[in-house]
């Protein structure tokens, strides 16, 4: 089968020759460790989303549309010491970041967020000026040539580059988690304005793309939950996000976008009925450290309406071959049931050795071929 035929078979609960082989990526610290342990850097450097050929990954094509603000804010260093850096980034967010342990652009800890560009409705009206959906630069200059080539593709074509930050994701980037949490109650006009604008913006940016070619899927990246629960209530999700999300997804699907997925870490299970109601078909990466993210549990609750990607516990991969085998064996029934693509539940962290990484990949290929009996 071609990668596209394989993808179609999984999504429609058909009979693929094997499941797609995808992975999300690796920490810079993990790459550095593997290289110190002798791995060939050319195997693990590159675009994991599009599929690393050296690892035998199935390819995907991402249409390189630009959904970010244009122009970016000017980068501004506010304070710098030997230990940390305070700066305003291109999104207009001021952060304090530890320098220690940074490798290949990957920090060992989260930045401390100090200031965000939106506090009021007036702030948002000003920020919107950086989101002109008709800016020609949102499409590459060779768009027509790319479309002509994509018509001959043998792998999935994805609308947007990697993941597109979604409704909650963008509001959090504009306001910050704490400020947004208060705004849900204290500034409903602002929250409604941000959600409706986001739907309008994506519909307008993708208008040309949807006209020119049919896409296989579209992903919204939300990161809308932590370990035990979502970061907003189902009531607020229904009030603010469901109506514009329904409008966005119905517009995409009416133009031939076949599937829509939602990416979030944490336990978003209380929101999943609303996501499905809004048109979501795919949920990933099923972060196993969070509650209610076992793919078998989610399949039991939501049935075949929800395709599941991810669910391989990164903590088990760090424990060595016996743990890897036991964990992959537990996923064999999901492979057999269909509508499931096993991948690590996020990027590979540096506590996974090169030997365990390579062992996992070899055993995972057996799982993808249905050779790992329960």
Protein backbone atom coordinates (compact mmCIF):
# COMPACT_ATOMS: atom_id res chain seq x y z
CA UNK A 1 0.00 0.00 0.00
CA UNK A 2 1.02 3.60 -0.48
CA UNK A 3 1.13 5.79 2.65
CA UNK A 4 -2.09 7.45 1.49
CA UNK A 5 -3.88 4.13 0.98
CA UNK A 6 -2.63 2.98 4.39
CA UNK A 7 -3.90 6.17 6.01
CA UNK A 8 -7.30 5.84 4.33
CA UNK A 9 -7.63 2.23 5.44
CA UNK A 10 -6.92 3.09 9.07
CA UNK A 11 -9.29 6.06 9.11
CA UNK A 12 -12.15 4.07 7.59
CA UNK A 13 -11.59 0.95 9.72
CA UNK A 14 -10.43 -0.98 6.70
CA UNK A 15 -7.61 -3.50 6.41
CA UNK A 16 -4.22 -1.82 5.91
CA UNK A 17 -1.07 -3.80 5.21
CA UNK A 18 0.21 -2.25 8.43
CA UNK A 19 -0.50 0.87 10.47
CA UNK A 20 1.23 4.17 9.63
CA UNK A 21 4.61 4.72 11.28
CA UNK A 22 4.61 8.26 12.67
CA UNK A 23 6.40 10.00 15.53
CA UNK A 24 6.22 13.56 16.78
CA UNK A 25 9.85 14.45 17.55
CA UNK A 26 12.54 14.51 20.23
CA UNK A 27 13.91 16.93 22.77
CA UNK A 28 17.16 18.60 21.81
CA UNK A 29 18.65 16.97 24.90
CA UNK A 30 17.55 13.53 23.67
CA UNK A 31 19.12 14.13 20.26
CA UNK A 32 22.35 15.20 21.93
CA UNK A 33 22.36 12.07 24.12
CA UNK A 34 21.71 9.72 21.21
CA UNK A 35 24.47 11.32 19.19
CA UNK A 36 26.87 10.95 22.12
CA UNK A 37 25.82 7.29 22.26
CA UNK A 38 26.73 6.87 18.60
CA UNK A 39 23.53 7.27 16.61
CA UNK A 40 23.86 8.59 13.07
CA UNK A 41 22.63 12.22 13.36
CA UNK A 42 21.18 12.15 9.84
CA UNK A 43 18.63 9.56 10.99
CA UNK A 44 17.06 11.76 13.67
CA UNK A 45 17.63 15.30 12.41
CA UNK A 46 14.90 16.84 10.32
CA UNK A 47 11.14 17.23 10.19
CA UNK A 48 9.61 14.45 12.29
CA UNK A 49 6.09 15.59 11.38
CA UNK A 50 6.73 15.09 7.67
CA UNK A 51 8.38 11.71 8.39
CA UNK A 52 12.07 10.92 8.81
CA UNK A 53 13.12 8.57 5.99
CA UNK A 54 16.05 7.21 8.01
CA UNK A 55 13.64 5.87 10.60
CA UNK A 56 11.29 4.40 8.01
CA UNK A 57 8.48 6.80 8.88
CA UNK A 58 5.48 7.18 6.61
CA UNK A 59 5.57 10.59 4.89
CA UNK A 60 3.00 13.36 5.15
CA UNK A 61 2.81 16.65 3.27
CA UNK A 62 1.91 19.85 5.10
CA UNK A 63 0.65 22.76 3.04
CA UNK A 64 2.85 25.64 4.24
CA UNK A 65 0.22 28.26 4.98
CA UNK A 66 1.18 30.98 7.45
CA UNK A 67 -1.44 31.46 10.18
CA UNK A 68 0.76 33.49 12.53
CA UNK A 69 0.67 37.20 13.16
CA UNK A 70 2.31 39.34 10.49
CA UNK A 71 4.42 41.19 11.27
CA UNK A 72 5.81 39.61 14.41
CA UNK A 73 6.64 41.86 17.32
CA UNK A 74 10.25 43.00 17.32
CA UNK A 75 12.36 40.76 19.56
CA UNK A 76 13.46 42.78 22.59
CA UNK A 77 15.90 41.78 25.34
CA UNK A 78 14.76 43.42 28.57
CA UNK A 79 17.23 41.89 31.03
CA UNK A 80 19.99 39.28 30.75
CA UNK A 81 22.19 37.68 33.41
CA UNK A 82 24.43 34.62 33.46
CA UNK A 83 21.46 32.48 34.55
CA UNK A 84 18.38 33.86 32.82
CA UNK A 85 17.03 35.99 29.99
CA UNK A 86 13.99 38.28 30.12
CA UNK A 87 12.79 39.16 26.63
CA UNK A 88 9.74 39.94 24.54
CA UNK A 89 9.34 37.34 21.80
CA UNK A 90 7.80 37.64 18.36
CA UNK A 91 4.31 36.93 19.73
CA UNK A 92 4.53 39.96 22.01
CA UNK A 93 4.90 37.81 25.14
CA UNK A 94 7.50 38.71 27.78
CA UNK A 95 9.14 35.66 29.37
CA UNK A 96 11.92 34.88 31.83
CA UNK A 97 13.91 31.86 30.67
CA UNK A 98 16.68 29.85 32.31
CA UNK A 99 19.73 29.54 30.09
CA UNK A 100 21.14 26.45 31.78
CA UNK A 101 20.43 23.16 30.01
CA UNK A 102 19.27 24.67 26.71
CA UNK A 103 20.23 22.38 23.81
CA UNK A 104 19.32 22.90 20.14
CA UNK A 105 16.72 25.47 21.19
CA UNK A 106 15.04 23.13 23.70
CA UNK A 107 14.93 24.29 27.31
CA UNK A 108 14.96 21.94 30.27
CA UNK A 109 12.17 23.89 31.99
CA UNK A 110 9.19 26.07 31.11
CA UNK A 111 9.74 29.79 30.78
CA UNK A 112 8.11 32.08 33.33
CA UNK A 113 5.50 34.21 31.57
CA UNK A 114 5.48 37.83 32.70
CA UNK A 115 3.28 39.78 30.27
CA UNK A 116 0.90 39.15 27.33
CA UNK A 117 -0.25 41.50 24.57
CA UNK A 118 -4.00 41.26 25.30
CA UNK A 119 -5.69 42.36 28.52
CA UNK A 120 -8.75 44.16 27.14
CA UNK A 121 -11.02 44.12 24.10
CA UNK A 122 -9.20 47.23 22.88
CA UNK A 123 -5.87 45.39 23.09
CA UNK A 124 -7.32 42.59 20.98
CA UNK A 125 -8.65 45.00 18.37
CA UNK A 126 -5.10 46.36 18.04
CA UNK A 127 -3.55 42.88 17.86
CA UNK A 128 -5.97 41.84 15.09
CA UNK A 129 -4.22 44.27 12.76
CA UNK A 130 -1.33 41.78 12.67
CA UNK A 131 -3.67 39.00 11.44
CA UNK A 132 -4.64 40.13 7.95
CA UNK A 133 -5.98 36.93 6.35
CA UNK A 134 -5.60 38.35 2.83
CA UNK A 135 -1.86 39.01 3.13
CA UNK A 136 -0.37 37.31 0.01
CA UNK A 137 2.66 36.23 2.04
CA UNK A 138 0.50 33.68 3.88
CA UNK A 139 0.98 31.47 0.81
CA UNK A 140 4.34 30.47 -0.66
CA UNK A 141 5.27 32.10 -3.96
CA UNK A 142 5.31 28.69 -5.71
CA UNK A 143 1.84 27.67 -4.46
CA UNK A 144 0.50 26.72 -7.90
CA UNK A 145 3.50 24.46 -8.58
CA UNK A 146 3.07 22.80 -5.20
CA UNK A 147 -0.61 22.14 -5.85
CA UNK A 148 0.19 20.57 -9.21
CA UNK A 149 2.70 18.24 -7.54
CA UNK A 150 0.31 17.38 -4.69
CA UNK A 151 -2.29 16.13 -7.14
CA UNK A 152 0.10 13.25 -7.85
CA UNK A 153 0.80 12.52 -4.17
CA UNK A 154 0.80 9.06 -2.61
CA UNK A 155 0.72 10.24 1.03
CA UNK A 156 -1.66 12.35 3.16
CA UNK A 157 -1.89 16.08 2.46
CA UNK A 158 -2.52 18.19 5.57
CA UNK A 159 -4.09 21.65 5.52
CA UNK A 160 -1.63 23.86 7.41
CA UNK A 161 1.90 23.38 8.64
CA UNK A 162 2.23 20.72 11.38
CA UNK A 163 -0.47 21.78 13.87
CA UNK A 164 -2.49 24.96 13.77
CA UNK A 165 -2.98 26.54 17.17
CA UNK A 166 -6.69 26.40 17.89
CA UNK A 167 -9.26 28.46 19.77
CA UNK A 168 -7.97 27.97 23.31
CA UNK A 169 -4.34 27.81 22.17
CA UNK A 170 -4.44 31.24 20.54
CA UNK A 171 -6.39 32.86 23.36
CA UNK A 172 -3.79 31.52 25.80
CA UNK A 173 -0.98 32.92 23.64
CA UNK A 174 -2.72 36.29 23.49
CA UNK A 175 -3.69 36.50 27.19
CA UNK A 176 -1.95 33.79 29.22
CA UNK A 177 -3.67 30.94 31.06
CA UNK A 178 -4.43 32.82 34.26
CA UNK A 179 -5.74 35.96 32.57
CA UNK A 180 -7.84 33.90 30.16
CA UNK A 181 -9.34 31.93 33.06
CA UNK A 182 -10.56 35.17 34.62
CA UNK A 183 -11.72 36.54 31.25
CA UNK A 184 -14.04 33.55 30.73
CA UNK A 185 -16.10 34.92 33.62
CA UNK A 186 -15.28 38.62 33.74
CA UNK A 187 -14.84 39.52 30.03
CA UNK A 188 -17.20 37.30 27.99
CA UNK A 189 -17.38 39.87 25.16
CA UNK A 190 -13.62 39.65 24.73
CA UNK A 191 -13.62 35.82 24.73
CA UNK A 192 -16.48 35.68 22.21
CA UNK A 193 -14.64 38.20 20.01
CA UNK A 194 -11.42 36.14 20.06
CA UNK A 195 -13.18 32.85 19.24
CA UNK A 196 -15.31 34.27 16.43
CA UNK A 197 -12.31 36.08 14.97
CA UNK A 198 -10.22 32.90 14.98
CA UNK A 199 -12.87 30.96 13.02
CA UNK A 200 -13.25 33.81 10.52
CA UNK A 201 -9.48 34.11 10.14
CA UNK A 202 -8.86 30.42 9.42
CA UNK A 203 -11.80 30.24 7.00
CA UNK A 204 -10.47 33.21 5.08
CA UNK A 205 -6.79 32.15 5.08
CA UNK A 206 -7.67 28.67 3.79
CA UNK A 207 -10.15 29.86 1.16
CA UNK A 208 -7.68 29.64 -1.74
CA UNK A 209 -6.26 26.32 -0.56
CA UNK A 210 -9.69 24.74 -0.24
CA UNK A 211 -10.56 25.93 -3.71
CA UNK A 212 -7.39 24.53 -5.28
CA UNK A 213 -7.14 21.01 -3.88
CA UNK A 214 -8.76 18.49 -1.53
CA UNK A 215 -6.98 17.91 1.78
CA UNK A 216 -6.89 14.69 3.73
CA UNK A 217 -7.00 16.23 7.18
CA UNK A 218 -6.68 19.33 9.34
CA UNK A 219 -5.39 19.50 12.92
CA UNK A 220 -6.18 22.03 15.64
CA UNK A 221 -3.55 22.17 18.37
CA UNK A 222 -5.14 23.16 21.68
CA UNK A 223 -3.21 21.90 24.75
CA UNK A 224 -6.40 22.56 26.66
CA UNK A 225 -5.93 20.30 29.68
CA UNK A 226 -3.59 19.32 32.49
CA UNK A 227 -3.16 15.98 34.23
CA UNK A 228 -6.55 15.60 35.86
CA UNK A 229 -8.96 17.89 34.01
CA UNK A 230 -9.40 20.50 31.26
CA UNK A 231 -8.33 24.11 31.79
CA UNK A 232 -11.87 25.34 31.25
CA UNK A 233 -15.26 23.86 32.05
CA UNK A 234 -17.51 22.07 29.56
CA UNK A 235 -19.98 24.91 30.11
CA UNK A 236 -17.46 27.53 29.02
CA UNK A 237 -16.30 25.35 26.14
CA UNK A 238 -19.90 25.10 24.88
CA UNK A 239 -20.55 28.80 25.45
CA UNK A 240 -17.49 30.20 23.71
CA UNK A 241 -15.84 27.59 21.49
CA UNK A 242 -18.45 25.14 20.19
CA UNK A 243 -20.43 27.54 17.92
CA UNK A 244 -17.45 29.02 16.00
CA UNK A 245 -15.71 25.63 15.98
CA UNK A 246 -18.76 24.01 14.37
CA UNK A 247 -18.81 26.78 11.79
CA UNK A 248 -15.11 26.38 11.02
CA UNK A 249 -15.18 22.58 10.76
CA UNK A 250 -18.34 22.49 8.66
CA UNK A 251 -16.77 25.00 6.26
CA UNK A 252 -13.63 22.86 5.93
CA UNK A 253 -15.50 19.60 5.45
CA UNK A 254 -17.92 21.09 2.94
CA UNK A 255 -14.86 21.94 0.83
CA UNK A 256 -13.57 18.37 0.92
CA UNK A 257 -11.31 18.30 3.99
CA UNK A 258 -11.93 14.70 4.96
CA UNK A 259 -10.96 14.58 8.63
CA UNK A 260 -10.41 17.05 11.47
CA UNK A 261 -8.26 16.25 14.48
CA UNK A 262 -7.60 17.89 17.81
CA UNK A 263 -4.25 17.71 19.59
CA UNK A 264 -3.99 18.28 23.32
CA UNK A 265 -1.93 17.06 26.20
CA UNK A 266 -3.59 16.22 29.51
CA UNK A 267 -7.04 14.87 30.32
CA UNK A 268 -9.58 16.48 27.98
CA UNK A 269 -12.09 13.61 28.31
CA UNK A 270 -14.87 15.83 29.78
CA UNK A 271 -14.68 18.01 26.64
CA UNK A 272 -14.56 15.21 24.09
CA UNK A 273 -18.36 14.93 23.63
CA UNK A 274 -18.40 18.63 22.71
CA UNK A 275 -15.43 18.22 20.38
CA UNK A 276 -17.14 15.33 18.60
CA UNK A 277 -20.36 17.36 18.39
CA UNK A 278 -18.33 20.14 16.76
CA UNK A 279 -17.01 17.77 14.09
CA UNK A 280 -13.72 16.44 15.48
CA UNK A 281 -12.82 12.97 14.14
CA UNK A 282 -9.31 12.44 15.59
CA UNK A 283 -7.91 12.86 19.10
CA UNK A 284 -4.20 12.72 19.97
CA UNK A 285 -1.53 12.28 21.41
CA UNK A 286 -3.20 10.57 24.43
CA UNK A 287 -0.67 11.60 27.09
CA UNK A 288 -0.56 8.59 29.40
CA UNK A 289 0.60 10.46 32.51
CA UNK A 290 -2.81 12.16 32.49
CA UNK A 291 -6.07 10.60 33.62
CA UNK A 292 -8.49 8.97 31.15
CA UNK A 293 -6.06 8.82 28.22
CA UNK A 294 -5.80 5.06 27.79
CA UNK A 295 -6.85 4.48 24.16
CA UNK A 296 -8.81 1.38 25.15
CA UNK A 297 -10.81 3.43 27.67
CA UNK A 298 -11.53 6.18 25.14
CA UNK A 299 -12.61 3.66 22.52
CA UNK A 300 -14.98 2.05 25.02
CA UNK A 301 -16.52 5.42 25.89
CA UNK A 302 -16.66 7.07 22.45
CA UNK A 303 -16.71 4.12 20.10
CA UNK A 304 -15.61 4.31 16.48
CA UNK A 305 -16.66 7.95 16.08
CA UNK A 306 -13.28 8.99 17.43
CA UNK A 307 -10.05 7.90 15.75
CA UNK A 308 -7.15 7.79 18.21
CA UNK A 309 -3.49 8.55 17.60
CA UNK A 310 -0.68 8.24 20.14
CA UNK A 311 -1.02 6.56 23.51
CA UNK A 312 2.48 5.01 23.77
CA UNK A 313 3.69 5.91 27.26
CA UNK A 314 7.10 7.60 27.01
CA UNK A 315 7.85 6.57 30.60
CA UNK A 316 7.62 2.89 29.68
CA UNK A 317 10.09 3.30 26.80
CA UNK A 318 12.70 4.60 29.26
CA UNK A 319 12.38 1.43 31.37
CA UNK A 320 13.99 -0.92 28.85
CA UNK A 321 13.09 -3.86 26.58
CA UNK A 322 10.91 -5.87 28.94
CA UNK A 323 8.75 -2.86 29.79
CA UNK A 324 8.59 -1.84 26.13
CA UNK A 325 7.39 -5.27 25.08
CA UNK A 326 4.75 -5.43 27.81
CA UNK A 327 3.47 -1.97 26.99
CA UNK A 328 3.28 -2.49 23.23
CA UNK A 329 1.58 -5.83 23.78
CA UNK A 330 -1.14 -4.03 25.77
CA UNK A 331 -1.88 -1.92 22.67
CA UNK A 332 -2.27 -4.88 20.31
CA UNK A 333 -6.07 -5.09 20.79
CA UNK A 334 -6.39 -1.46 19.71
CA UNK A 335 -4.33 -2.17 16.61
CA UNK A 336 -6.61 -5.08 15.80
CA UNK A 337 -9.76 -2.99 16.37
CA UNK A 338 -8.70 -0.31 13.87
CA UNK A 339 -8.99 3.45 13.78
CA UNK A 340 -5.84 3.73 15.89
CA UNK A 341 -2.27 4.83 15.14
CA UNK A 342 0.23 4.18 17.96
CA UNK A 343 2.88 6.85 18.48
CA UNK A 344 4.75 8.13 21.51
CA UNK A 345 2.46 10.32 23.60
CA UNK A 346 4.65 13.35 22.92
CA UNK A 347 8.29 13.91 21.97
CA UNK A 348 11.12 11.61 23.11
CA UNK A 349 12.64 12.92 26.37
CA UNK A 350 16.35 12.58 27.26
CA UNK A 351 15.84 9.77 29.80
CA UNK A 352 15.31 7.40 26.84
CA UNK A 353 18.64 5.94 25.74
CA UNK A 354 19.63 5.33 22.16
CA UNK A 355 19.43 1.57 22.74
CA UNK A 356 15.89 1.78 24.14
CA UNK A 357 14.83 4.19 21.38
CA UNK A 358 16.03 1.83 18.68
CA UNK A 359 14.54 -1.21 20.44
CA UNK A 360 11.20 0.59 20.67
CA UNK A 361 11.22 1.43 16.96
CA UNK A 362 11.97 -2.18 16.00
CA UNK A 363 9.27 -3.59 18.26
CA UNK A 364 6.82 -0.90 17.25
CA UNK A 365 7.16 -2.00 13.62
CA UNK A 366 6.09 -5.47 14.72
CA UNK A 367 3.07 -3.89 16.43
CA UNK A 368 2.20 -1.92 13.30
CA UNK A 369 2.24 -5.14 11.27
CA UNK A 370 -0.05 -6.87 13.77
CA UNK A 371 2.66 -9.25 15.00
CA UNK A 372 2.43 -8.32 18.69
CA UNK A 373 -0.18 -10.63 20.12
CA UNK A 374 -2.05 -9.64 23.25
